[in-house]
């Protein structure tokens, strides 16, 4: 599987910032999805989040993408469903191929019927915690080349960061270089405790703390307070008590 480098992550971040500036909107998951369509050679992008019993569309660049997300929820199968249930990226070059039709017998024919042939679903996850899926689609069959796949993974990583920042009410202007908000000492203390519990560095521990707050739809400060008070402990199973 291709893997993005720090330099590619920085380049993709610049693309998103440029798209946001061009549209005169803040850097957001919306700008990210729109930039992905332009830069990855796909027709549409959809970001779904796991905040309830079923995935909810956070943003779709086109009606087809929203329809594909709805179909997968309706029939209970599809690439994004596989990803949500713990799989890695689901990269489907041809939904009309016999293998795809056999794997998703309800979804694949419907997807082809509404106009999608290639579908690439990328997980947004931190450890065992899954925040959502970034799905890319186009009407023509074909694989993503290595460079495009690398950039797609970078888009997914940045989508995850933006989702977690939104949940924690953070923004790039208000976060110092270490990535931790200065105004809440509980967050600093809890991050250190999570780092020790999971054997991680501070940045990765903070990502786990934010991801758990996102998954449970609770304030970051409240979860941090519970960790400091030892009402919550993070383990390798994803941070459940």
Protein backbone atom coordinates (compact mmCIF):
# COMPACT_ATOMS: atom_id res chain seq x y z
CA UNK A 1 0.00 0.00 0.00
CA UNK A 2 1.34 3.45 -0.90
CA UNK A 3 2.12 5.78 1.98
CA UNK A 4 2.35 9.54 1.94
CA UNK A 5 5.45 11.39 3.14
CA UNK A 6 5.62 14.55 5.21
CA UNK A 7 6.34 16.52 2.05
CA UNK A 8 3.25 15.13 0.29
CA UNK A 9 1.13 15.86 3.33
CA UNK A 10 2.37 19.45 3.25
CA UNK A 11 1.65 19.72 -0.48
CA UNK A 12 -1.88 18.38 -0.10
CA UNK A 13 -2.42 20.77 2.80
CA UNK A 14 -1.40 23.66 0.49
CA UNK A 15 -3.87 22.46 -2.15
CA UNK A 16 -6.67 22.53 0.40
CA UNK A 17 -5.66 26.00 1.59
CA UNK A 18 -5.55 27.23 -2.01
CA UNK A 19 -9.01 25.83 -2.70
CA UNK A 20 -10.37 27.46 0.44
CA UNK A 21 -8.84 30.81 -0.53
CA UNK A 22 -10.17 30.50 -4.08
CA UNK A 23 -13.68 29.88 -2.74
CA UNK A 24 -13.27 32.50 0.01
CA UNK A 25 -14.13 29.99 2.74
CA UNK A 26 -12.19 28.70 5.76
CA UNK A 27 -10.02 25.61 5.50
CA UNK A 28 -12.53 22.85 6.22
CA UNK A 29 -13.62 19.37 5.19
CA UNK A 30 -15.72 21.02 2.49
CA UNK A 31 -12.67 22.70 0.98
CA UNK A 32 -10.76 19.44 1.33
CA UNK A 33 -13.36 17.46 -0.62
CA UNK A 34 -13.52 20.05 -3.37
CA UNK A 35 -9.71 20.12 -3.62
CA UNK A 36 -9.63 16.32 -3.79
CA UNK A 37 -11.87 16.34 -6.86
CA UNK A 38 -9.61 18.82 -8.61
CA UNK A 39 -6.30 17.22 -7.68
CA UNK A 40 -7.08 13.49 -7.78
CA UNK A 41 -8.87 13.27 -11.11
CA UNK A 42 -12.11 11.96 -9.68
CA UNK A 43 -15.66 13.12 -10.32
CA UNK A 44 -16.75 13.48 -6.72
CA UNK A 45 -15.77 13.09 -3.08
CA UNK A 46 -17.87 12.30 -0.02
CA UNK A 47 -16.92 12.49 3.64
CA UNK A 48 -19.03 10.40 6.00
CA UNK A 49 -18.65 10.43 9.77
CA UNK A 50 -19.39 7.73 12.32
CA UNK A 51 -21.34 9.63 14.95
CA UNK A 52 -24.38 7.40 15.29
CA UNK A 53 -25.70 3.94 14.49
CA UNK A 54 -25.12 4.69 10.81
CA UNK A 55 -22.68 6.90 8.89
CA UNK A 56 -23.82 10.45 8.21
CA UNK A 57 -22.75 12.47 5.19
CA UNK A 58 -20.67 15.40 6.43
CA UNK A 59 -20.07 16.75 2.93
CA UNK A 60 -20.57 15.58 -0.67
CA UNK A 61 -19.27 17.42 -3.70
CA UNK A 62 -22.06 16.13 -5.94
CA UNK A 63 -25.45 14.46 -5.88
CA UNK A 64 -24.00 11.17 -7.14
CA UNK A 65 -21.68 10.93 -4.16
CA UNK A 66 -24.52 11.55 -1.74
CA UNK A 67 -26.59 8.91 -3.55
CA UNK A 68 -23.79 6.34 -3.32
CA UNK A 69 -23.48 6.96 0.42
CA UNK A 70 -27.24 6.60 0.82
CA UNK A 71 -27.31 3.36 -1.17
CA UNK A 72 -24.65 1.78 1.02
CA UNK A 73 -26.60 2.63 4.16
CA UNK A 74 -29.81 1.37 2.58
CA UNK A 75 -28.53 -2.04 1.44
CA UNK A 76 -25.98 -2.44 4.22
CA UNK A 77 -23.02 -3.23 1.99
CA UNK A 78 -20.41 -1.54 -0.18
CA UNK A 79 -16.80 -0.40 -0.05
CA UNK A 80 -17.41 2.28 2.59
CA UNK A 81 -19.34 -0.22 4.72
CA UNK A 82 -16.38 -2.62 4.58
CA UNK A 83 -14.02 0.17 5.62
CA UNK A 84 -16.30 1.26 8.44
CA UNK A 85 -16.40 -2.30 9.79
CA UNK A 86 -12.66 -2.42 10.23
CA UNK A 87 -11.17 -2.97 6.81
CA UNK A 88 -8.37 -1.02 5.21
CA UNK A 89 -8.87 1.08 2.09
CA UNK A 90 -11.34 -0.42 -0.38
CA UNK A 91 -10.07 0.46 -3.84
CA UNK A 92 -12.57 -0.68 -6.45
CA UNK A 93 -11.48 -0.06 -10.02
CA UNK A 94 -14.63 -1.49 -11.60
CA UNK A 95 -17.93 -1.98 -9.78
CA UNK A 96 -19.28 -3.65 -12.91
CA UNK A 97 -16.66 -6.41 -12.80
CA UNK A 98 -17.89 -9.91 -11.81
CA UNK A 99 -15.76 -9.86 -8.64
CA UNK A 100 -17.32 -6.58 -7.48
CA UNK A 101 -20.83 -7.74 -8.35
CA UNK A 102 -20.24 -10.93 -6.33
CA UNK A 103 -18.76 -9.08 -3.36
CA UNK A 104 -21.55 -6.49 -3.15
CA UNK A 105 -24.50 -8.11 -4.99
CA UNK A 106 -26.99 -5.45 -3.92
CA UNK A 107 -24.86 -2.31 -3.95
CA UNK A 108 -22.64 -2.79 -7.01
CA UNK A 109 -25.43 -3.08 -9.63
CA UNK A 110 -27.23 -0.07 -8.14
CA UNK A 111 -24.02 2.00 -8.10
CA UNK A 112 -23.35 1.24 -11.76
CA UNK A 113 -26.94 2.04 -12.61
CA UNK A 114 -26.72 5.52 -11.07
CA UNK A 115 -23.44 6.28 -12.85
CA UNK A 116 -20.45 5.21 -10.73
CA UNK A 117 -17.96 2.62 -11.91
CA UNK A 118 -14.84 3.24 -9.82
CA UNK A 119 -15.09 3.86 -6.07
CA UNK A 120 -12.25 4.32 -3.60
CA UNK A 121 -13.07 4.33 0.13
CA UNK A 122 -10.37 5.44 2.58
CA UNK A 123 -10.64 5.06 6.37
CA UNK A 124 -10.25 7.98 8.76
CA UNK A 125 -8.93 6.30 11.88
CA UNK A 126 -6.67 6.68 14.89
CA UNK A 127 -5.70 3.28 16.24
CA UNK A 128 -8.88 1.30 16.87
CA UNK A 129 -11.06 4.42 16.66
CA UNK A 130 -12.74 5.04 13.31
CA UNK A 131 -14.04 8.55 12.71
CA UNK A 132 -15.34 8.15 9.19
CA UNK A 133 -14.60 7.43 5.54
CA UNK A 134 -13.43 9.55 2.61
CA UNK A 135 -14.91 8.13 -0.61
CA UNK A 136 -13.87 9.10 -4.13
CA UNK A 137 -15.79 8.12 -7.25
CA UNK A 138 -15.74 8.44 -11.02
CA UNK A 139 -17.80 7.09 -13.92
CA UNK A 140 -14.94 5.36 -15.74
CA UNK A 141 -13.21 2.17 -14.56
CA UNK A 142 -9.55 2.18 -13.61
CA UNK A 143 -7.17 2.01 -10.69
CA UNK A 144 -5.60 4.99 -8.94
CA UNK A 145 -1.96 5.24 -9.96
CA UNK A 146 0.65 5.12 -7.19
CA UNK A 147 1.13 8.88 -6.95
CA UNK A 148 -2.61 9.58 -6.87
CA UNK A 149 -3.17 6.89 -4.23
CA UNK A 150 -0.44 8.43 -2.09
CA UNK A 151 -2.10 11.83 -2.35
CA UNK A 152 -5.51 10.27 -1.63
CA UNK A 153 -4.19 8.83 1.64
CA UNK A 154 -2.80 12.25 2.53
CA UNK A 155 -6.22 13.80 1.87
CA UNK A 156 -7.76 11.19 4.20
CA UNK A 157 -5.25 11.93 6.95
CA UNK A 158 -5.95 15.67 6.71
CA UNK A 159 -9.70 15.04 6.65
CA UNK A 160 -9.34 13.17 9.94
CA UNK A 161 -7.36 16.04 11.46
CA UNK A 162 -9.94 18.60 10.36
CA UNK A 163 -12.80 16.54 11.80
CA UNK A 164 -11.02 16.19 15.13
CA UNK A 165 -10.15 19.89 15.22
CA UNK A 166 -13.78 20.79 14.58
CA UNK A 167 -14.93 18.47 17.37
CA UNK A 168 -12.43 20.01 19.80
CA UNK A 169 -13.22 23.56 18.60
CA UNK A 170 -9.63 24.08 17.55
CA UNK A 171 -8.17 25.94 14.61
CA UNK A 172 -4.69 26.32 13.22
CA UNK A 173 -4.39 29.88 14.47
CA UNK A 174 -5.18 28.87 18.05
CA UNK A 175 -2.98 25.79 18.39
CA UNK A 176 0.73 26.05 19.23
CA UNK A 177 3.48 23.99 17.62
CA UNK A 178 3.04 21.00 19.92
CA UNK A 179 -0.59 20.70 18.78
CA UNK A 180 -2.08 21.11 22.26
CA UNK A 181 -4.49 23.89 23.25
CA UNK A 182 -2.88 26.08 25.91
CA UNK A 183 -6.05 27.14 27.71
CA UNK A 184 -6.92 23.80 29.29
CA UNK A 185 -4.37 22.21 31.65
CA UNK A 186 -6.51 19.07 31.92
CA UNK A 187 -5.94 18.40 28.21
CA UNK A 188 -2.16 18.61 28.69
CA UNK A 189 -2.23 16.36 31.74
CA UNK A 190 -4.61 13.85 30.15
CA UNK A 191 -2.48 13.71 26.99
CA UNK A 192 0.55 12.83 29.07
CA UNK A 193 -1.41 10.10 30.85
CA UNK A 194 -2.70 8.66 27.57
CA UNK A 195 0.85 8.72 26.19
CA UNK A 196 2.01 6.64 29.15
CA UNK A 197 -0.95 4.25 28.97
CA UNK A 198 -0.50 3.56 25.26
CA UNK A 199 3.26 3.94 25.02
CA UNK A 200 2.98 6.75 22.47
CA UNK A 201 4.47 10.15 21.86
CA UNK A 202 2.56 13.28 22.86
CA UNK A 203 1.28 14.08 19.36
CA UNK A 204 -0.08 10.55 18.81
CA UNK A 205 -1.59 10.46 22.31
CA UNK A 206 -3.38 13.75 21.67
CA UNK A 207 -4.73 12.31 18.42
CA UNK A 208 -6.14 9.34 20.36
CA UNK A 209 -7.70 11.65 22.96
CA UNK A 210 -9.33 13.79 20.27
CA UNK A 211 -10.50 10.75 18.32
CA UNK A 212 -12.20 9.27 21.38
CA UNK A 213 -13.95 12.60 22.08
CA UNK A 214 -15.10 12.67 18.46
CA UNK A 215 -16.32 9.06 18.48
CA UNK A 216 -18.29 9.56 21.70
CA UNK A 217 -19.46 13.08 20.80
CA UNK A 218 -18.29 14.50 24.13
CA UNK A 219 -16.29 17.68 24.82
CA UNK A 220 -12.54 17.17 24.69
CA UNK A 221 -12.18 19.01 27.99
CA UNK A 222 -14.70 16.71 29.68
CA UNK A 223 -13.01 13.55 28.47
CA UNK A 224 -9.64 14.95 29.56
CA UNK A 225 -11.02 15.66 33.03
CA UNK A 226 -12.24 12.05 33.27
CA UNK A 227 -8.81 10.75 32.29
CA UNK A 228 -7.09 12.96 34.87
CA UNK A 229 -9.56 11.83 37.54
CA UNK A 230 -8.88 8.21 36.49
CA UNK A 231 -12.50 7.64 35.57
CA UNK A 232 -11.30 6.76 32.07
CA UNK A 233 -8.26 4.85 30.92
CA UNK A 234 -6.96 4.33 27.39
CA UNK A 235 -6.01 0.81 26.39
CA UNK A 236 -5.09 -0.81 23.10
CA UNK A 237 -8.75 -1.61 22.48
CA UNK A 238 -9.36 2.04 21.65
CA UNK A 239 -9.82 3.74 25.01
CA UNK A 240 -12.97 2.26 26.43
CA UNK A 241 -13.28 2.09 30.20
